[in-house]
PDB file of N, CA and C in Angstrom:
ATOM      1  N   MET A   1     -33.345 -40.536   9.910  1.00  0.00           N
ATOM      2  CA  MET A   1     -33.169 -39.301   8.821  1.00  0.00           C
ATOM      3  C   MET A   1     -33.363 -38.103   9.207  1.00  0.00           C
ATOM      4  N   ARG A   2     -34.512 -37.840   9.632  1.00  0.00           N
ATOM      5  CA  ARG A   2     -34.967 -36.801  10.331  1.00  0.00           C
ATOM      6  C   ARG A   2     -34.521 -36.066  11.127  1.00  0.00           C
ATOM      7  N   ILE A   3     -34.106 -37.015  11.992  1.00  0.00           N
ATOM      8  CA  ILE A   3     -32.780 -36.635  13.358  1.00  0.00           C
ATOM      9  C   ILE A   3     -31.604 -36.086  12.449  1.00  0.00           C
ATOM     10  N   LEU A   4     -30.730 -36.890  11.335  1.00  0.00           N
ATOM     11  CA  LEU A   4     -29.900 -36.761  10.874  1.00  0.00           C
ATOM     12  C   LEU A   4     -29.893 -34.779  10.549  1.00  0.00           C
ATOM     13  N   ALA A   5     -31.163 -34.728   9.777  1.00  0.00           N
ATOM     14  CA  ALA A   5     -31.065 -33.024   9.609  1.00  0.00           C
ATOM     15  C   ALA A   5     -31.598 -32.379  10.301  1.00  0.00           C
ATOM     16  N   LEU A   6     -32.118 -32.412  11.796  1.00  0.00           N
ATOM     17  CA  LEU A   6     -32.165 -31.682  12.974  1.00  0.00           C
ATOM     18  C   LEU A   6     -30.269 -32.060  13.631  1.00  0.00           C
ATOM     19  N   VAL A   7     -29.750 -32.792  13.745  1.00  0.00           N
ATOM     20  CA  VAL A   7     -28.603 -32.425  14.239  1.00  0.00           C
ATOM     21  C   VAL A   7     -27.983 -31.397  13.359  1.00  0.00           C
ATOM     22  N   LEU A   8     -27.680 -31.758  11.861  1.00  0.00           N
ATOM     23  CA  LEU A   8     -27.348 -30.911  11.461  1.00  0.00           C
ATOM     24  C   LEU A   8     -27.648 -29.692  10.433  1.00  0.00           C
ATOM     25  N   ALA A   9     -28.859 -28.912  11.207  1.00  0.00           N
ATOM     26  CA  ALA A   9     -29.198 -27.439  11.047  1.00  0.00           C
ATOM     27  C   ALA A   9     -29.024 -27.094  12.618  1.00  0.00           C
ATOM     28  N   ALA A  10     -28.435 -28.231  13.611  1.00  0.00           N
ATOM     29  CA  ALA A  10     -28.684 -27.388  14.635  1.00  0.00           C
ATOM     30  C   ALA A  10     -27.093 -26.979  14.772  1.00  0.00           C
ATOM     31  N   LEU A  11     -25.909 -27.039  14.136  1.00  0.00           N
ATOM     32  CA  LEU A  11     -24.734 -27.557  14.334  1.00  0.00           C
ATOM     33  C   LEU A  11     -24.333 -26.331  12.831  1.00  0.00           C
ATOM     34  N   ILE A  12     -24.894 -26.211  11.969  1.00  0.00           N
ATOM     35  CA  ILE A  12     -24.841 -25.517  10.691  1.00  0.00           C
ATOM     36  C   ILE A  12     -25.553 -23.900  10.773  1.00  0.00           C
ATOM     37  N   VAL A  13     -26.619 -24.096  11.314  1.00  0.00           N
ATOM     38  CA  VAL A  13     -27.263 -22.498  11.360  1.00  0.00           C
ATOM     39  C   VAL A  13     -26.712 -21.674  12.371  1.00  0.00           C
ATOM     40  N   PRO A  14     -26.272 -21.871  14.054  1.00  0.00           N
ATOM     41  CA  PRO A  14     -25.598 -21.001  14.282  1.00  0.00           C
ATOM     42  C   PRO A  14     -24.175 -20.168  13.948  1.00  0.00           C
ATOM     43  N   GLY A  15     -23.391 -21.349  13.208  1.00  0.00           N
ATOM     44  CA  GLY A  15     -22.402 -20.446  12.383  1.00  0.00           C
ATOM     45  C   GLY A  15     -22.277 -20.011  11.199  1.00  0.00           C
ATOM     46  N   MET A  16     -23.554 -19.941  10.883  1.00  0.00           N
ATOM     47  CA  MET A  16     -23.819 -18.763   9.587  1.00  0.00           C
ATOM     48  C   MET A  16     -24.342 -17.301  10.160  1.00  0.00           C
ATOM     49  N   ALA A  17     -24.518 -17.166  11.791  1.00  0.00           N
ATOM     50  CA  ALA A  17     -24.979 -15.845  12.049  1.00  0.00           C
ATOM     51  C   ALA A  17     -23.683 -14.841  12.020  1.00  0.00           C
ATOM     52  N   GLN A  18     -23.360 -14.024  11.618  1.00  0.00           N
ATOM     53  CA  GLN A  18     -22.392 -12.755  10.858  1.00  0.00           C
ATOM     54  C   GLN A  18     -21.717 -12.299  12.164  1.00  0.00           C
ATOM     55  N   PRO A  19     -20.660 -11.933  12.903  1.00  0.00           N
ATOM     56  CA  PRO A  19     -20.135 -11.038  13.673  1.00  0.00           C
ATOM     57  C   PRO A  19     -20.530  -9.808  13.556  1.00  0.00           C
ATOM     58  N   VAL A  20     -20.598  -8.966  14.166  1.00  0.00           N
ATOM     59  CA  VAL A  20     -20.756  -7.251  13.909  1.00  0.00           C
ATOM     60  C   VAL A  20     -19.482  -6.849  14.125  1.00  0.00           C
ATOM     61  N   PRO A  21     -19.207  -5.867  13.014  1.00  0.00           N
ATOM     62  CA  PRO A  21     -17.511  -6.033  13.205  1.00  0.00           C
ATOM     63  C   PRO A  21     -17.651  -4.420  14.188  1.00  0.00           C
ATOM     64  N   ALA A  22     -16.311  -4.387  14.636  1.00  0.00           N
ATOM     65  CA  ALA A  22     -15.829  -3.608  15.712  1.00  0.00           C
ATOM     66  C   ALA A  22     -15.890  -2.215  14.509  1.00  0.00           C
ATOM     67  N   ALA A  23     -16.037  -1.101  15.530  1.00  0.00           N
ATOM     68  CA  ALA A  23     -15.922   0.120  15.303  1.00  0.00           C
ATOM     69  C   ALA A  23     -13.924   0.587  14.356  1.00  0.00           C
ATOM     70  N   PRO A  24     -14.126   1.022  13.689  1.00  0.00           N
ATOM     71  CA  PRO A  24     -12.505   0.831  13.323  1.00  0.00           C
ATOM     72  C   PRO A  24     -12.128   2.156  13.982  1.00  0.00           C
ATOM     73  N   ARG A  25     -10.281   1.958  14.460  1.00  0.00           N
ATOM     74  CA  ARG A  25      -9.863   2.664  15.381  1.00  0.00           C
ATOM     75  C   ARG A  25      -8.582   3.131  14.109  1.00  0.00           C
ATOM     76  N   THR A  26      -8.249   3.952  14.686  1.00  0.00           N
ATOM     77  CA  THR A  26      -6.794   4.835  14.308  1.00  0.00           C
ATOM     78  C   THR A  26      -5.510   4.168  14.978  1.00  0.00           C
ATOM     79  N   ALA A  27      -5.042   4.148  14.121  1.00  0.00           N
ATOM     80  CA  ALA A  27      -3.022   3.704  15.144  1.00  0.00           C
ATOM     81  C   ALA A  27      -2.978   4.662  15.605  1.00  0.00           C
ATOM     82  N   PRO A  28      -2.283   4.307  16.646  1.00  0.00           N
ATOM     83  CA  PRO A  28      -1.436   5.233  17.379  1.00  0.00           C
ATOM     84  C   PRO A  28       0.153   5.891  16.877  1.00  0.00           C
ATOM     85  N   GLN A  29       0.192   6.836  16.924  1.00  0.00           N
ATOM     86  CA  GLN A  29       1.152   7.205  16.052  1.00  0.00           C
ATOM     87  C   GLN A  29       2.662   7.264  16.626  1.00  0.00           C
ATOM     88  N   PHE A  30       3.411   7.102  15.853  1.00  0.00           N
ATOM     89  CA  PHE A  30       4.655   6.458  15.665  1.00  0.00           C
ATOM     90  C   PHE A  30       5.641   7.355  14.685  1.00  0.00           C
ATOM     91  N   ASP A  31       6.691   7.367  15.229  1.00  0.00           N
ATOM     92  CA  ASP A  31       8.436   7.918  14.354  1.00  0.00           C
ATOM     93  C   ASP A  31       9.155   6.738  14.659  1.00  0.00           C
ATOM     94  N   LEU A  32       9.653   6.121  13.107  1.00  0.00           N
ATOM     95  CA  LEU A  32      10.522   5.421  12.961  1.00  0.00           C
ATOM     96  C   LEU A  32      12.073   6.081  12.663  1.00  0.00           C
ATOM     97  N   GLU A  33      12.631   5.969  12.777  1.00  0.00           N
ATOM     98  CA  GLU A  33      14.238   6.536  12.362  1.00  0.00           C
ATOM     99  C   GLU A  33      14.834   5.221  11.476  1.00  0.00           C
ATOM    100  N   LEU A  34      14.750   5.754  10.282  1.00  0.00           N
ATOM    101  CA  LEU A  34      15.178   3.989   8.837  1.00  0.00           C
ATOM    102  C   LEU A  34      16.567   4.728   9.006  1.00  0.00           C
ATOM    103  N   PHE A  35      17.148   3.413   8.070  1.00  0.00           N
ATOM    104  CA  PHE A  35      18.341   3.233   7.870  1.00  0.00           C
ATOM    105  C   PHE A  35      19.391   4.206   7.171  1.00  0.00           C
ATOM    106  N   SER A  36      18.691   5.013   6.304  1.00  0.00           N
ATOM    107  CA  SER A  36      18.883   6.246   5.238  1.00  0.00           C
ATOM    108  C   SER A  36      19.030   7.318   6.572  1.00  0.00           C
ATOM    109  N   GLY A  37      18.778   7.267   7.845  1.00  0.00           N
ATOM    110  CA  GLY A  37      19.117   8.454   8.748  1.00  0.00           C
ATOM    111  C   GLY A  37      17.867   9.213   8.559  1.00  0.00           C
ATOM    112  N   THR A  38      16.656   9.042   7.983  1.00  0.00           N
ATOM    113  CA  THR A  38      15.304  10.147   7.780  1.00  0.00           C
ATOM    114  C   THR A  38      14.351   8.924   8.648  1.00  0.00           C
ATOM    115  N   THR A  39      13.328  10.490   9.350  1.00  0.00           N
ATOM    116  CA  THR A  39      12.150   9.719   9.974  1.00  0.00           C
ATOM    117  C   THR A  39      11.279   9.532   9.394  1.00  0.00           C
ATOM    118  N   PHE A  40      10.365   8.601   9.487  1.00  0.00           N
ATOM    119  CA  PHE A  40       9.464   7.691   9.280  1.00  0.00           C
ATOM    120  C   PHE A  40       7.970   8.412  10.220  1.00  0.00           C
ATOM    121  N   ARG A  41       7.597   9.796  10.201  1.00  0.00           N
ATOM    122  CA  ARG A  41       5.810   9.794  10.672  1.00  0.00           C
ATOM    123  C   ARG A  41       4.216   8.799   9.940  1.00  0.00           C
ATOM    124  N   LEU A  42       3.562   7.959  11.061  1.00  0.00           N
ATOM    125  CA  LEU A  42       2.832   7.630  10.192  1.00  0.00           C
ATOM    126  C   LEU A  42       1.992   9.061   9.835  1.00  0.00           C
ATOM    127  N   ALA A  43       1.964   9.994  10.475  1.00  0.00           N
ATOM    128  CA  ALA A  43       1.398  10.870  10.633  1.00  0.00           C
ATOM    129  C   ALA A  43       0.803  11.615   9.351  1.00  0.00           C
ATOM    130  N   ASP A  44       2.673  11.628   8.332  1.00  0.00           N
ATOM    131  CA  ASP A  44       2.298  11.549   7.256  1.00  0.00           C
ATOM    132  C   ASP A  44       2.220  11.003   6.521  1.00  0.00           C
ATOM    133  N   ALA A  45       1.547   9.806   6.501  1.00  0.00           N
ATOM    134  CA  ALA A  45       1.254   8.644   5.571  1.00  0.00           C
ATOM    135  C   ALA A  45      -0.432   8.749   5.818  1.00  0.00           C
ATOM    136  N   ARG A  46      -1.189   9.831   6.254  1.00  0.00           N
ATOM    137  CA  ARG A  46      -2.580   9.761   6.321  1.00  0.00           C
ATOM    138  C   ARG A  46      -2.997   9.360   4.747  1.00  0.00           C
ATOM    139  N   GLY A  47      -4.066   8.600   4.889  1.00  0.00           N
ATOM    140  CA  GLY A  47      -4.756   8.167   3.512  1.00  0.00           C
ATOM    141  C   GLY A  47      -3.762   7.069   2.750  1.00  0.00           C
ATOM    142  N   SER A  48      -3.190   6.437   3.293  1.00  0.00           N
ATOM    143  CA  SER A  48      -1.981   5.691   2.130  1.00  0.00           C
ATOM    144  C   SER A  48      -2.163   4.574   2.948  1.00  0.00           C
ATOM    145  N   ALA A  49      -2.090   3.236   2.579  1.00  0.00           N
ATOM    146  CA  ALA A  49      -1.414   2.088   2.886  1.00  0.00           C
ATOM    147  C   ALA A  49      -0.459   1.843   3.293  1.00  0.00           C
ATOM    148  N   VAL A  50      -0.531   1.230   4.639  1.00  0.00           N
ATOM    149  CA  VAL A  50       0.784   1.726   5.424  1.00  0.00           C
ATOM    150  C   VAL A  50       1.088  -0.012   5.915  1.00  0.00           C
ATOM    151  N   VAL A  51       2.166  -0.953   5.371  1.00  0.00           N
ATOM    152  CA  VAL A  51       2.583  -2.276   6.020  1.00  0.00           C
ATOM    153  C   VAL A  51       3.811  -2.162   6.572  1.00  0.00           C
ATOM    154  N   LEU A  52       3.654  -2.806   7.620  1.00  0.00           N
ATOM    155  CA  LEU A  52       4.612  -2.830   8.807  1.00  0.00           C
ATOM    156  C   LEU A  52       5.199  -4.652   8.841  1.00  0.00           C
ATOM    157  N   LEU A  53       6.112  -4.897   8.828  1.00  0.00           N
ATOM    158  CA  LEU A  53       6.688  -6.032   8.962  1.00  0.00           C
ATOM    159  C   LEU A  53       7.610  -6.230   9.780  1.00  0.00           C
ATOM    160  N   PHE A  54       7.030  -6.915  10.734  1.00  0.00           N
ATOM    161  CA  PHE A  54       8.036  -7.063  11.767  1.00  0.00           C
ATOM    162  C   PHE A  54       8.531  -8.985  11.668  1.00  0.00           C
ATOM    163  N   TRP A  55      10.109  -8.901  11.255  1.00  0.00           N
ATOM    164  CA  TRP A  55      10.666  -9.862  11.093  1.00  0.00           C
ATOM    165  C   TRP A  55      11.818 -10.153  12.403  1.00  0.00           C
ATOM    166  N   ALA A  56      12.042 -11.223  12.610  1.00  0.00           N
ATOM    167  CA  ALA A  56      13.214 -11.621  13.220  1.00  0.00           C
ATOM    168  C   ALA A  56      14.295 -12.227  12.632  1.00  0.00           C
ATOM    169  N   PRO A  57      15.548 -11.948  13.207  1.00  0.00           N
ATOM    170  CA  PRO A  57      16.547 -13.442  12.805  1.00  0.00           C
ATOM    171  C   PRO A  57      16.336 -14.820  13.496  1.00  0.00           C
ATOM    172  N   TRP A  58      15.569 -14.903  14.617  1.00  0.00           N
ATOM    173  CA  TRP A  58      15.973 -16.458  15.248  1.00  0.00           C
ATOM    174  C   TRP A  58      14.604 -16.711  14.762  1.00  0.00           C
TER     175      TRP A  58
END
């Protein structure tokens, strides 16, 4: 039973270590022409959440 406890501890304890989060990076600036003909600029949305949905029909 003691060996089982040591094996379980050896498997569980390393997985509990938390990775160091990467430093936040800013998104590259881009402009998109919308279907309405207007242009969306990422810089204009600074401070707001922006969700990009990449969808393909295939």
